[in-house]
Amino acid sequence: MMTRLLFSALLAVAGCNSSSASDQKVAALQNARLPATLCLRLDPATEAGVSKGDIRLQIQIRNQQASNRYSSAFQLFLVREDGDRLLLHSFGLQPDREEQGSVLPQQVQLTLQGQQLIPDSQGLVCFELTQDPEPESESAEHLVPKDVAIRWNPIQISSGS
């Protein structure tokens, strides 16, 4: 329940079907069908942290309907201002876990060190999340609505004392 409340608090914007959302700290879509585009502000301090590896991109996905199998592949693209897309990472999700009848979100964190993140004229960097359809399966998993959120996540380094 606490996880769901936390996720609900993170949702800054509700949208669907490739809608774009932007916020300083989080960009989110509820009930989104993929592909979905989300944009985050990239200020100089965040850009420096990403370049050093001190800040990662966190992707949080929650299926609306629980799945008891591993997901088909998700792809995260960097969307350039001219519309070109650059594949940053492919990943899958584990079978969903439920708590009190609600599907728990799953998270992936990506280090974008070495990627040339160039903000657009409004200071935003946009990402597109897609999911492969499964050709051999009758499942339409990639069509099921999902809650999707991305945010910059500073890495916590313990002092080791």
N, C-alpha and C. Protein backbone atom coordinates (compact mmCIF):
# COMPACT_ATOMS: atom_id res chain seq x y z
N MET A 1 0.83 -1.19 0.00
CA MET A 1 0.00 0.00 0.00
C MET A 1 0.87 1.25 0.00
N MET A 2 1.92 1.23 0.83
CA MET A 2 2.81 2.38 0.91
C MET A 2 3.48 2.64 -0.43
N THR A 3 3.91 1.55 -1.12
CA THR A 3 4.54 1.69 -2.43
C THR A 3 3.58 2.32 -3.42
N ARG A 4 2.34 1.90 -3.38
CA ARG A 4 1.36 2.45 -4.31
C ARG A 4 1.12 3.93 -4.03
N LEU A 5 1.05 4.30 -2.76
CA LEU A 5 0.87 5.71 -2.41
C LEU A 5 2.06 6.54 -2.87
N LEU A 6 3.27 6.00 -2.68
CA LEU A 6 4.46 6.70 -3.12
C LEU A 6 4.45 6.88 -4.63
N PHE A 7 4.10 5.82 -5.36
CA PHE A 7 4.03 5.92 -6.81
C PHE A 7 2.98 6.94 -7.24
N SER A 8 1.82 6.93 -6.57
CA SER A 8 0.77 7.89 -6.89
C SER A 8 1.24 9.31 -6.66
N ALA A 9 2.03 9.50 -5.59
CA ALA A 9 2.54 10.84 -5.30
C ALA A 9 3.54 11.30 -6.36
N LEU A 10 4.24 10.34 -6.97
CA LEU A 10 5.22 10.69 -8.01
C LEU A 10 4.57 11.09 -9.33
N LEU A 11 3.33 10.67 -9.52
CA LEU A 11 2.69 10.94 -10.80
C LEU A 11 2.33 12.42 -10.92
N ALA A 12 3.07 13.09 -11.73
CA ALA A 12 2.89 14.52 -11.87
C ALA A 12 1.85 14.87 -12.93
N VAL A 13 1.71 14.01 -13.89
CA VAL A 13 0.85 14.30 -15.03
C VAL A 13 0.14 13.02 -15.45
N ALA A 14 -1.13 13.11 -15.76
CA ALA A 14 -1.85 11.95 -16.29
C ALA A 14 -1.99 12.14 -17.80
N GLY A 15 -1.86 11.06 -18.54
CA GLY A 15 -1.96 11.16 -19.99
C GLY A 15 -2.11 9.79 -20.60
N CYS A 16 -2.10 9.76 -21.93
CA CYS A 16 -2.20 8.47 -22.61
C CYS A 16 -1.65 8.59 -24.02
N ASN A 17 -1.40 7.44 -24.63
CA ASN A 17 -0.99 7.32 -26.03
C ASN A 17 0.03 8.34 -26.50
N SER A 18 1.27 8.11 -26.16
CA SER A 18 2.40 8.91 -26.64
C SER A 18 2.30 10.37 -26.25
N SER A 19 1.65 10.65 -25.15
CA SER A 19 1.60 12.03 -24.67
C SER A 19 2.95 12.37 -24.07
N SER A 20 3.27 13.63 -24.09
CA SER A 20 4.53 14.08 -23.52
C SER A 20 4.26 14.75 -22.18
N ALA A 21 5.11 14.48 -21.21
CA ALA A 21 4.96 15.09 -19.90
C ALA A 21 6.33 15.58 -19.45
N SER A 22 6.38 16.72 -18.78
CA SER A 22 7.66 17.19 -18.30
C SER A 22 7.51 17.84 -16.94
N ASP A 23 8.55 17.71 -16.12
CA ASP A 23 8.59 18.28 -14.80
C ASP A 23 10.05 18.30 -14.39
N GLN A 24 10.40 19.16 -13.46
CA GLN A 24 11.78 19.25 -13.01
C GLN A 24 12.28 17.91 -12.47
N LYS A 25 11.46 17.21 -11.70
CA LYS A 25 11.93 16.02 -11.02
C LYS A 25 11.41 14.72 -11.59
N VAL A 26 10.22 14.71 -12.14
CA VAL A 26 9.61 13.47 -12.62
C VAL A 26 8.71 13.77 -13.82
N ALA A 27 8.66 12.83 -14.74
CA ALA A 27 7.70 12.89 -15.84
C ALA A 27 6.96 11.57 -15.80
N ALA A 28 5.63 11.62 -15.84
CA ALA A 28 4.85 10.40 -15.67
C ALA A 28 3.60 10.41 -16.52
N LEU A 29 3.18 9.20 -16.89
CA LEU A 29 1.93 8.99 -17.62
C LEU A 29 1.18 7.86 -16.94
N GLN A 30 -0.10 8.04 -16.75
CA GLN A 30 -0.95 6.97 -16.24
C GLN A 30 -1.73 6.38 -17.38
N ASN A 31 -1.97 5.08 -17.30
CA ASN A 31 -2.76 4.37 -18.31
C ASN A 31 -2.23 4.61 -19.73
N ALA A 32 -0.92 4.63 -19.86
CA ALA A 32 -0.29 4.90 -21.16
C ALA A 32 -0.20 3.63 -21.98
N ARG A 33 -0.40 3.79 -23.26
CA ARG A 33 -0.13 2.72 -24.22
C ARG A 33 1.18 3.10 -24.90
N LEU A 34 2.05 2.14 -25.04
CA LEU A 34 3.36 2.41 -25.62
C LEU A 34 3.29 2.38 -27.13
N PRO A 35 4.07 3.18 -27.83
CA PRO A 35 5.17 4.01 -27.34
C PRO A 35 4.67 5.25 -26.60
N ALA A 36 5.48 5.69 -25.63
CA ALA A 36 5.18 6.89 -24.85
C ALA A 36 6.43 7.75 -24.79
N THR A 37 6.24 9.05 -24.88
CA THR A 37 7.35 10.00 -24.81
C THR A 37 7.24 10.79 -23.52
N LEU A 38 8.35 10.86 -22.79
CA LEU A 38 8.41 11.60 -21.54
C LEU A 38 9.65 12.48 -21.56
N CYS A 39 9.54 13.70 -21.04
CA CYS A 39 10.64 14.66 -21.08
C CYS A 39 10.98 15.14 -19.68
N LEU A 40 12.28 15.30 -19.43
CA LEU A 40 12.78 15.80 -18.16
C LEU A 40 13.64 17.03 -18.40
N ARG A 41 13.60 17.95 -17.44
CA ARG A 41 14.47 19.13 -17.51
C ARG A 41 15.91 18.67 -17.25
N LEU A 42 16.83 19.22 -18.02
CA LEU A 42 18.25 18.89 -17.86
C LEU A 42 19.01 20.19 -17.61
N ASP A 43 19.17 20.53 -16.33
CA ASP A 43 19.93 21.73 -15.98
C ASP A 43 21.42 21.38 -15.95
N PRO A 44 22.30 22.38 -15.92
CA PRO A 44 23.74 22.10 -15.95
C PRO A 44 24.23 21.20 -14.82
N ALA A 45 23.69 21.34 -13.61
CA ALA A 45 24.12 20.51 -12.48
C ALA A 45 23.73 19.05 -12.71
N THR A 46 22.52 18.83 -13.21
CA THR A 46 22.08 17.46 -13.50
C THR A 46 22.91 16.87 -14.63
N GLU A 47 23.15 17.67 -15.66
CA GLU A 47 23.97 17.19 -16.78
C GLU A 47 25.37 16.78 -16.32
N ALA A 48 25.96 17.57 -15.42
CA ALA A 48 27.29 17.24 -14.89
C ALA A 48 27.23 15.94 -14.08
N GLY A 49 26.19 15.77 -13.28
CA GLY A 49 26.02 14.55 -12.49
C GLY A 49 25.84 13.32 -13.36
N VAL A 50 25.07 13.47 -14.44
CA VAL A 50 24.87 12.36 -15.38
C VAL A 50 26.20 12.01 -16.04
N SER A 51 26.97 13.02 -16.45
CA SER A 51 28.26 12.80 -17.11
C SER A 51 29.25 12.08 -16.20
N LYS A 52 29.20 12.38 -14.90
CA LYS A 52 30.12 11.74 -13.94
C LYS A 52 29.60 10.38 -13.46
N GLY A 53 28.34 10.07 -13.75
CA GLY A 53 27.77 8.82 -13.29
C GLY A 53 27.15 8.92 -11.90
N ASP A 54 27.07 10.14 -11.37
CA ASP A 54 26.48 10.36 -10.04
C ASP A 54 24.96 10.42 -10.08
N ILE A 55 24.39 10.60 -11.26
CA ILE A 55 22.94 10.66 -11.43
C ILE A 55 22.56 9.68 -12.53
N ARG A 56 21.56 8.86 -12.24
CA ARG A 56 21.07 7.88 -13.21
C ARG A 56 19.65 8.22 -13.61
N LEU A 57 19.23 7.66 -14.73
CA LEU A 57 17.83 7.78 -15.15
C LEU A 57 17.08 6.59 -14.58
N GLN A 58 16.04 6.86 -13.82
CA GLN A 58 15.22 5.79 -13.25
C GLN A 58 13.92 5.70 -14.03
N ILE A 59 13.59 4.48 -14.46
CA ILE A 59 12.34 4.22 -15.17
C ILE A 59 11.50 3.34 -14.26
N GLN A 60 10.27 3.74 -14.04
CA GLN A 60 9.35 2.95 -13.22
C GLN A 60 8.14 2.60 -14.06
N ILE A 61 7.81 1.30 -14.09
CA ILE A 61 6.69 0.81 -14.90
C ILE A 61 5.79 -0.04 -14.01
N ARG A 62 4.51 0.22 -14.10
CA ARG A 62 3.52 -0.60 -13.38
C ARG A 62 2.46 -1.02 -14.37
N ASN A 63 2.31 -2.33 -14.54
CA ASN A 63 1.26 -2.86 -15.41
C ASN A 63 -0.10 -2.65 -14.75
N GLN A 64 -1.10 -2.35 -15.54
CA GLN A 64 -2.46 -2.22 -15.01
C GLN A 64 -3.03 -3.59 -14.66
N GLN A 65 -2.61 -4.60 -15.40
CA GLN A 65 -3.03 -5.98 -15.15
C GLN A 65 -1.79 -6.80 -14.86
N ALA A 66 -1.82 -7.56 -13.78
CA ALA A 66 -0.66 -8.35 -13.38
C ALA A 66 -0.31 -9.38 -14.44
N SER A 67 0.98 -9.55 -14.67
CA SER A 67 1.49 -10.56 -15.59
C SER A 67 2.31 -11.55 -14.78
N ASN A 68 2.13 -12.84 -15.04
CA ASN A 68 2.87 -13.86 -14.30
C ASN A 68 4.06 -14.39 -15.09
N ARG A 69 4.50 -13.64 -16.10
CA ARG A 69 5.64 -14.05 -16.91
C ARG A 69 6.57 -12.87 -17.17
N TYR A 70 7.75 -13.17 -17.63
CA TYR A 70 8.70 -12.11 -17.96
C TYR A 70 8.16 -11.32 -19.15
N SER A 71 8.41 -10.03 -19.16
CA SER A 71 7.87 -9.17 -20.22
C SER A 71 8.65 -9.35 -21.52
N SER A 72 8.03 -8.93 -22.60
CA SER A 72 8.78 -8.79 -23.84
C SER A 72 9.68 -7.55 -23.67
N ALA A 73 10.63 -7.37 -24.57
CA ALA A 73 11.64 -6.33 -24.42
C ALA A 73 11.06 -4.93 -24.51
N PHE A 74 11.51 -4.08 -23.60
CA PHE A 74 11.26 -2.64 -23.66
C PHE A 74 12.51 -2.01 -24.27
N GLN A 75 12.32 -0.92 -25.00
CA GLN A 75 13.45 -0.15 -25.51
C GLN A 75 13.27 1.30 -25.07
N LEU A 76 14.37 1.91 -24.64
CA LEU A 76 14.37 3.32 -24.29
C LEU A 76 15.21 4.06 -25.32
N PHE A 77 14.60 5.04 -25.95
CA PHE A 77 15.26 5.85 -26.97
C PHE A 77 15.44 7.27 -26.47
N LEU A 78 16.53 7.90 -26.86
CA LEU A 78 16.72 9.33 -26.68
C LEU A 78 16.14 9.98 -27.92
N VAL A 79 15.23 10.94 -27.74
CA VAL A 79 14.61 11.63 -28.87
C VAL A 79 15.32 12.96 -29.04
N ARG A 80 15.93 13.12 -30.19
CA ARG A 80 16.67 14.36 -30.48
C ARG A 80 15.70 15.43 -30.98
N GLU A 81 16.14 16.67 -30.92
CA GLU A 81 15.27 17.79 -31.30
C GLU A 81 14.83 17.70 -32.76
N ASP A 82 15.67 17.09 -33.62
CA ASP A 82 15.30 16.96 -35.04
C ASP A 82 14.38 15.76 -35.28
N GLY A 83 14.02 15.03 -34.20
CA GLY A 83 13.11 13.89 -34.34
C GLY A 83 13.82 12.55 -34.44
N ASP A 84 15.14 12.56 -34.66
CA ASP A 84 15.89 11.30 -34.70
C ASP A 84 15.83 10.64 -33.32
N ARG A 85 15.90 9.31 -33.32
CA ARG A 85 15.88 8.55 -32.06
C ARG A 85 17.15 7.71 -31.97
N LEU A 86 17.72 7.65 -30.78
CA LEU A 86 18.92 6.87 -30.52
C LEU A 86 18.58 5.85 -29.44
N LEU A 87 18.76 4.56 -29.74
CA LEU A 87 18.50 3.51 -28.76
C LEU A 87 19.51 3.61 -27.63
N LEU A 88 19.03 3.77 -26.40
CA LEU A 88 19.90 3.84 -25.23
C LEU A 88 20.02 2.50 -24.52
N HIS A 89 18.90 1.77 -24.44
CA HIS A 89 18.92 0.54 -23.65
C HIS A 89 17.70 -0.31 -23.95
N SER A 90 17.87 -1.62 -23.91
CA SER A 90 16.76 -2.58 -23.97
C SER A 90 16.75 -3.35 -22.66
N PHE A 91 15.56 -3.65 -22.16
CA PHE A 91 15.46 -4.36 -20.89
C PHE A 91 14.12 -5.07 -20.81
N GLY A 92 14.00 -5.98 -19.87
CA GLY A 92 12.76 -6.68 -19.62
C GLY A 92 12.37 -6.55 -18.16
N LEU A 93 11.15 -6.93 -17.86
CA LEU A 93 10.66 -6.90 -16.49
C LEU A 93 10.38 -8.32 -16.02
N GLN A 94 10.49 -8.52 -14.73
CA GLN A 94 10.17 -9.81 -14.12
C GLN A 94 8.66 -9.96 -14.02
N PRO A 95 8.19 -11.16 -13.70
CA PRO A 95 6.75 -11.31 -13.45
C PRO A 95 6.33 -10.35 -12.34
N ASP A 96 5.12 -9.83 -12.44
CA ASP A 96 4.64 -8.85 -11.47
C ASP A 96 4.40 -9.46 -10.11
N ARG A 97 4.58 -8.63 -9.09
CA ARG A 97 4.19 -8.99 -7.73
C ARG A 97 2.99 -8.12 -7.37
N GLU A 98 2.12 -8.68 -6.59
CA GLU A 98 0.94 -7.94 -6.15
C GLU A 98 0.96 -7.81 -4.64
N GLU A 99 0.44 -6.70 -4.17
CA GLU A 99 0.30 -6.46 -2.75
C GLU A 99 -1.09 -5.91 -2.51
N GLN A 100 -1.86 -6.59 -1.71
CA GLN A 100 -3.23 -6.20 -1.39
C GLN A 100 -4.04 -5.96 -2.67
N GLY A 101 -3.87 -6.85 -3.65
CA GLY A 101 -4.63 -6.78 -4.89
C GLY A 101 -4.17 -5.76 -5.90
N SER A 102 -3.07 -5.09 -5.62
CA SER A 102 -2.55 -4.07 -6.54
C SER A 102 -1.19 -4.51 -7.09
N VAL A 103 -0.97 -4.28 -8.37
CA VAL A 103 0.31 -4.62 -9.00
C VAL A 103 1.37 -3.62 -8.53
N LEU A 104 2.51 -4.15 -8.09
CA LEU A 104 3.59 -3.27 -7.65
C LEU A 104 4.41 -2.80 -8.85
N PRO A 105 4.89 -1.56 -8.81
CA PRO A 105 5.73 -1.07 -9.91
C PRO A 105 7.10 -1.73 -9.89
N GLN A 106 7.74 -1.78 -11.05
CA GLN A 106 9.11 -2.27 -11.18
C GLN A 106 9.99 -1.12 -11.67
N GLN A 107 11.25 -1.13 -11.25
CA GLN A 107 12.16 -0.04 -11.59
C GLN A 107 13.41 -0.54 -12.29
N VAL A 108 13.91 0.29 -13.19
CA VAL A 108 15.17 0.05 -13.87
C VAL A 108 15.94 1.36 -13.78
N GLN A 109 17.24 1.29 -13.45
CA GLN A 109 18.07 2.49 -13.44
C GLN A 109 19.16 2.36 -14.49
N LEU A 110 19.35 3.44 -15.25
CA LEU A 110 20.33 3.44 -16.33
C LEU A 110 21.39 4.50 -16.09
N THR A 111 22.63 4.13 -16.29
CA THR A 111 23.71 5.10 -16.29
C THR A 111 23.82 5.63 -17.72
N LEU A 112 23.76 6.92 -17.87
CA LEU A 112 23.82 7.51 -19.21
C LEU A 112 25.16 8.21 -19.45
N GLN A 113 26.18 7.81 -18.70
CA GLN A 113 27.52 8.34 -18.90
C GLN A 113 27.93 8.09 -20.34
N GLY A 114 28.53 9.08 -20.95
CA GLY A 114 29.00 8.92 -22.32
C GLY A 114 27.94 9.23 -23.38
N GLN A 115 26.69 9.40 -22.96
CA GLN A 115 25.63 9.76 -23.91
C GLN A 115 25.59 11.28 -24.05
N GLN A 116 25.45 11.75 -25.25
CA GLN A 116 25.38 13.18 -25.48
C GLN A 116 23.92 13.62 -25.34
N LEU A 117 23.60 14.11 -24.16
CA LEU A 117 22.24 14.59 -23.88
C LEU A 117 22.21 16.08 -24.14
N ILE A 118 21.52 16.47 -25.20
CA ILE A 118 21.44 17.87 -25.56
C ILE A 118 20.01 18.34 -25.34
N PRO A 119 19.81 19.22 -24.35
CA PRO A 119 18.45 19.71 -24.11
C PRO A 119 17.92 20.51 -25.29
N ASP A 120 16.60 20.49 -25.47
CA ASP A 120 15.99 21.28 -26.52
C ASP A 120 15.94 22.75 -26.10
N SER A 121 15.31 23.58 -26.88
CA SER A 121 15.27 25.02 -26.60
C SER A 121 14.56 25.36 -25.29
N GLN A 122 13.79 24.41 -24.76
CA GLN A 122 13.10 24.62 -23.48
C GLN A 122 13.84 23.98 -22.31
N GLY A 123 15.03 23.43 -22.57
CA GLY A 123 15.83 22.82 -21.52
C GLY A 123 15.42 21.39 -21.19
N LEU A 124 14.68 20.75 -22.09
CA LEU A 124 14.18 19.39 -21.85
C LEU A 124 14.93 18.36 -22.69
N VAL A 125 15.08 17.16 -22.10
CA VAL A 125 15.58 16.00 -22.82
C VAL A 125 14.43 15.01 -22.83
N CYS A 126 14.11 14.50 -24.03
CA CYS A 126 12.96 13.60 -24.17
C CYS A 126 13.40 12.17 -24.46
N PHE A 127 12.63 11.25 -23.90
CA PHE A 127 12.87 9.82 -24.05
C PHE A 127 11.59 9.17 -24.54
N GLU A 128 11.74 8.15 -25.38
CA GLU A 128 10.59 7.38 -25.84
C GLU A 128 10.75 5.95 -25.35
N LEU A 129 9.70 5.42 -24.75
CA LEU A 129 9.68 4.04 -24.28
C LEU A 129 8.77 3.24 -25.17
N THR A 130 9.29 2.13 -25.72
CA THR A 130 8.50 1.25 -26.56
C THR A 130 8.60 -0.16 -25.98
N GLN A 131 7.72 -1.04 -26.47
CA GLN A 131 7.80 -2.45 -26.09
C GLN A 131 7.53 -3.30 -27.31
N ASP A 132 8.38 -4.31 -27.50
CA ASP A 132 8.23 -5.22 -28.64
C ASP A 132 6.96 -6.04 -28.50
N PRO A 133 6.20 -6.19 -29.59
CA PRO A 133 5.13 -7.18 -29.58
C PRO A 133 5.77 -8.56 -29.62
N GLU A 134 5.08 -9.54 -29.11
CA GLU A 134 5.61 -10.91 -29.13
C GLU A 134 5.01 -11.65 -30.33
N PRO A 135 5.81 -11.88 -31.37
CA PRO A 135 5.28 -12.45 -32.60
C PRO A 135 4.69 -13.85 -32.46
N GLU A 136 5.29 -14.71 -31.60
CA GLU A 136 4.79 -16.08 -31.49
C GLU A 136 3.65 -16.21 -30.50
N SER A 137 3.37 -15.17 -29.77
CA SER A 137 2.40 -15.26 -28.68
C SER A 137 1.09 -14.61 -29.07
N GLU A 138 0.01 -15.12 -28.51
CA GLU A 138 -1.30 -14.49 -28.72
C GLU A 138 -1.48 -13.33 -27.76
N SER A 139 -0.52 -13.15 -26.85
CA SER A 139 -0.59 -12.09 -25.84
C SER A 139 -0.47 -10.72 -26.49
N ALA A 140 -1.26 -9.81 -26.02
CA ALA A 140 -1.17 -8.42 -26.47
C ALA A 140 -0.62 -7.57 -25.33
N GLU A 141 0.38 -8.12 -24.63
CA GLU A 141 0.96 -7.48 -23.46
C GLU A 141 1.40 -6.05 -23.74
N HIS A 142 1.96 -5.81 -24.92
CA HIS A 142 2.45 -4.47 -25.27
C HIS A 142 1.31 -3.48 -25.45
N LEU A 143 0.07 -3.95 -25.56
CA LEU A 143 -1.08 -3.06 -25.72
C LEU A 143 -1.76 -2.73 -24.39
N VAL A 144 -1.41 -3.46 -23.34
CA VAL A 144 -2.04 -3.25 -22.04
C VAL A 144 -1.54 -1.92 -21.45
N PRO A 145 -2.46 -1.07 -20.97
CA PRO A 145 -2.03 0.22 -20.39
C PRO A 145 -1.09 0.02 -19.20
N LYS A 146 -0.15 0.96 -19.08
CA LYS A 146 0.84 0.93 -18.01
C LYS A 146 0.96 2.32 -17.41
N ASP A 147 1.36 2.37 -16.15
CA ASP A 147 1.78 3.63 -15.55
C ASP A 147 3.28 3.69 -15.72
N VAL A 148 3.78 4.80 -16.27
CA VAL A 148 5.20 4.94 -16.57
C VAL A 148 5.69 6.25 -15.97
N ALA A 149 6.84 6.20 -15.31
CA ALA A 149 7.44 7.42 -14.77
C ALA A 149 8.95 7.35 -14.97
N ILE A 150 9.56 8.50 -15.23
CA ILE A 150 11.01 8.60 -15.29
C ILE A 150 11.44 9.77 -14.42
N ARG A 151 12.64 9.66 -13.89
CA ARG A 151 13.19 10.76 -13.09
C ARG A 151 14.69 10.62 -13.02
N TRP A 152 15.36 11.74 -12.72
CA TRP A 152 16.79 11.72 -12.46
C TRP A 152 16.97 11.23 -11.03
N ASN A 153 17.85 10.26 -10.83
CA ASN A 153 18.04 9.67 -9.51
C ASN A 153 19.50 9.78 -9.08
N PRO A 154 19.80 10.70 -8.13
CA PRO A 154 21.17 10.80 -7.63
C PRO A 154 21.57 9.51 -6.91
N ILE A 155 22.78 9.07 -7.11
CA ILE A 155 23.29 7.85 -6.49
C ILE A 155 23.75 8.19 -5.08
N GLN A 156 23.29 7.40 -4.12
CA GLN A 156 23.68 7.59 -2.72
C GLN A 156 24.95 6.77 -2.47
N ILE A 157 25.99 7.42 -2.04
CA ILE A 157 27.24 6.72 -1.75
C ILE A 157 27.45 6.76 -0.25
N SER A 158 27.57 5.57 0.35
CA SER A 158 27.75 5.52 1.80
C SER A 158 29.22 5.79 2.14
N SER A 159 29.44 6.30 3.32
CA SER A 159 30.79 6.66 3.75
C SER A 159 31.59 5.43 4.19
N GLY A 160 30.90 4.32 4.47
CA GLY A 160 31.59 3.10 4.86
C GLY A 160 32.14 3.13 6.28
N SER A 161 31.63 4.00 7.12
CA SER A 161 32.15 4.08 8.49
C SER A 161 31.51 3.13 9.43
